[in-house]
Amino acid sequence: MPRYHLRYLKGPNYTLNLEYDGIVEAPSFEEALRPHTDWPITESYDHATATAWNPGTCMYYQEMWEAALLPDDKKEAAPSQSKA
């Protein structure tokens, strides 16, 4: 199952505070973020990250959840095969 690095940031611009930092397993960005927020979730074009911004904030104060897809440990742990 995919793993996601979740972070919750809030505060005035230039001084955002990291309020939550953790790793979760979920089948999708939606499933990873939904237990934490009901804000709209937007996935990036390359499907590597997603964000959920509080729609009630302005450009001077932000609140957001961020999720980043972590690499698959199984793929990285597999030994590379070289042709001799």
C-alpha atoms as a PDB file:
ATOM      1  CA  MET A   1       0.000   0.000   0.000  1.00  0.00           C
ATOM      2  CA  PRO A   2       1.358   3.492  -0.817  1.00  0.00           C
ATOM      3  CA  ARG A   3       2.814   5.602   1.985  1.00  0.00           C
ATOM      4  CA  TYR A   4       2.391   9.365   2.268  1.00  0.00           C
ATOM      5  CA  HIS A   5       4.303  11.998   4.215  1.00  0.00           C
ATOM      6  CA  LEU A   6       1.663  14.329   5.703  1.00  0.00           C
ATOM      7  CA  ARG A   7       2.278  17.816   7.050  1.00  0.00           C
ATOM      8  CA  TYR A   8      -0.054  20.474   8.418  1.00  0.00           C
ATOM      9  CA  LEU A   9       1.130  24.075   8.138  1.00  0.00           C
ATOM     10  CA  LYS A  10      -0.523  27.251   9.346  1.00  0.00           C
ATOM     11  CA  GLY A  11       0.264  30.849  10.141  1.00  0.00           C
ATOM     12  CA  PRO A  12       1.072  34.171   8.525  1.00  0.00           C
ATOM     13  CA  ASN A  13       3.085  34.060   5.306  1.00  0.00           C
ATOM     14  CA  TYR A  14       6.857  33.881   5.832  1.00  0.00           C
ATOM     15  CA  THR A  15       6.327  32.422   9.325  1.00  0.00           C
ATOM     16  CA  LEU A  16       4.355  29.240   8.706  1.00  0.00           C
ATOM     17  CA  ASN A  17       4.413  26.775  11.591  1.00  0.00           C
ATOM     18  CA  LEU A  18       4.634  23.013  11.104  1.00  0.00           C
ATOM     19  CA  GLU A  19       1.837  21.696  13.340  1.00  0.00           C
ATOM     20  CA  TYR A  20       1.788  18.031  12.239  1.00  0.00           C
ATOM     21  CA  ASP A  21       4.351  15.801  10.573  1.00  0.00           C
ATOM     22  CA  GLY A  22       3.747  12.093  10.021  1.00  0.00           C
ATOM     23  CA  ILE A  23       3.636   9.136   7.666  1.00  0.00           C
ATOM     24  CA  VAL A  24       0.465   7.222   6.815  1.00  0.00           C
ATOM     25  CA  GLU A  25      -0.466   4.304   4.587  1.00  0.00           C
ATOM     26  CA  ALA A  26      -3.483   4.755   2.337  1.00  0.00           C
ATOM     27  CA  PRO A  27      -4.641   3.696  -1.129  1.00  0.00           C
ATOM     28  CA  SER A  28      -4.806   7.317  -2.389  1.00  0.00           C
ATOM     29  CA  PHE A  29      -4.147  10.964  -1.519  1.00  0.00           C
ATOM     30  CA  GLU A  30      -7.863  11.354  -0.819  1.00  0.00           C
ATOM     31  CA  GLU A  31      -7.834   8.483   1.694  1.00  0.00           C
ATOM     32  CA  ALA A  32      -4.626   9.793   3.312  1.00  0.00           C
ATOM     33  CA  LEU A  33      -5.901  13.359   3.812  1.00  0.00           C
ATOM     34  CA  ARG A  34      -9.634  12.797   4.425  1.00  0.00           C
ATOM     35  CA  PRO A  35      -9.296  11.715   8.112  1.00  0.00           C
ATOM     36  CA  HIS A  36      -7.581  15.057   8.810  1.00  0.00           C
ATOM     37  CA  THR A  37      -9.606  17.550   6.778  1.00  0.00           C
ATOM     38  CA  ASP A  38     -12.728  18.125   4.732  1.00  0.00           C
ATOM     39  CA  TRP A  39     -11.146  20.916   2.663  1.00  0.00           C
ATOM     40  CA  PRO A  40     -10.943  20.411  -1.117  1.00  0.00           C
ATOM     41  CA  ILE A  41      -7.953  18.262  -2.135  1.00  0.00           C
ATOM     42  CA  THR A  42      -5.898  19.123  -5.220  1.00  0.00           C
ATOM     43  CA  GLU A  43      -3.424  16.609  -6.629  1.00  0.00           C
ATOM     44  CA  SER A  44      -0.374  17.780  -8.598  1.00  0.00           C
ATOM     45  CA  TYR A  45      -0.023  17.036 -12.310  1.00  0.00           C
ATOM     46  CA  ASP A  46       2.792  14.555 -11.723  1.00  0.00           C
ATOM     47  CA  HIS A  47       0.758  12.782  -8.982  1.00  0.00           C
ATOM     48  CA  ALA A  48       3.638  13.110  -6.492  1.00  0.00           C
ATOM     49  CA  THR A  49       1.949  15.547  -4.077  1.00  0.00           C
ATOM     50  CA  ALA A  50      -1.464  16.836  -3.033  1.00  0.00           C
ATOM     51  CA  THR A  51      -2.662  19.751  -0.919  1.00  0.00           C
ATOM     52  CA  ALA A  52      -5.806  20.680   0.940  1.00  0.00           C
ATOM     53  CA  TRP A  53      -6.041  24.430   1.592  1.00  0.00           C
ATOM     54  CA  ASN A  54      -8.514  26.014   3.972  1.00  0.00           C
ATOM     55  CA  PRO A  55     -10.793  27.934   1.586  1.00  0.00           C
ATOM     56  CA  GLY A  56     -11.500  30.507   4.314  1.00  0.00           C
ATOM     57  CA  THR A  57      -7.916  31.790   4.533  1.00  0.00           C
ATOM     58  CA  CYS A  58      -6.418  34.720   2.682  1.00  0.00           C
ATOM     59  CA  MET A  59      -3.036  35.426   1.117  1.00  0.00           C
ATOM     60  CA  TYR A  60      -1.720  36.770   4.441  1.00  0.00           C
ATOM     61  CA  TYR A  61      -2.678  33.776   6.598  1.00  0.00           C
ATOM     62  CA  GLN A  62      -2.602  30.163   5.435  1.00  0.00           C
ATOM     63  CA  GLU A  63      -3.765  26.787   6.703  1.00  0.00           C
ATOM     64  CA  MET A  64      -3.051  23.689   4.643  1.00  0.00           C
ATOM     65  CA  TRP A  65      -2.462  19.956   4.637  1.00  0.00           C
ATOM     66  CA  GLU A  66       0.232  18.639   2.345  1.00  0.00           C
ATOM     67  CA  ALA A  67       0.814  15.029   1.299  1.00  0.00           C
ATOM     68  CA  ALA A  68       3.809  13.662  -0.596  1.00  0.00           C
ATOM     69  CA  LEU A  69       3.957  10.158  -2.032  1.00  0.00           C
ATOM     70  CA  LEU A  70       6.946   8.305  -0.574  1.00  0.00           C
ATOM     71  CA  PRO A  71       9.082   5.995  -2.717  1.00  0.00           C
ATOM     72  CA  ASP A  72       8.261   2.306  -2.620  1.00  0.00           C
ATOM     73  CA  ASP A  73      10.763   0.651  -0.249  1.00  0.00           C
ATOM     74  CA  LYS A  74      10.487  -2.660  -2.097  1.00  0.00           C
ATOM     75  CA  LYS A  75      11.670  -1.127  -5.361  1.00  0.00           C
ATOM     76  CA  GLU A  76      14.583   0.664  -3.703  1.00  0.00           C
ATOM     77  CA  ALA A  77      15.574  -2.336  -1.585  1.00  0.00           C
ATOM     78  CA  ALA A  78      15.755  -4.706  -4.560  1.00  0.00           C
ATOM     79  CA  PRO A  79      19.362  -5.331  -5.651  1.00  0.00           C
ATOM     80  CA  SER A  80      20.206  -4.068  -9.086  1.00  0.00           C
ATOM     81  CA  GLN A  81      21.003  -6.677 -11.675  1.00  0.00           C
ATOM     82  CA  SER A  82      24.035  -5.996 -13.775  1.00  0.00           C
ATOM     83  CA  LYS A  83      24.891  -7.692 -17.029  1.00  0.00           C
ATOM     84  CA  ALA A  84      28.436  -8.967 -17.079  1.00  0.00           C
END
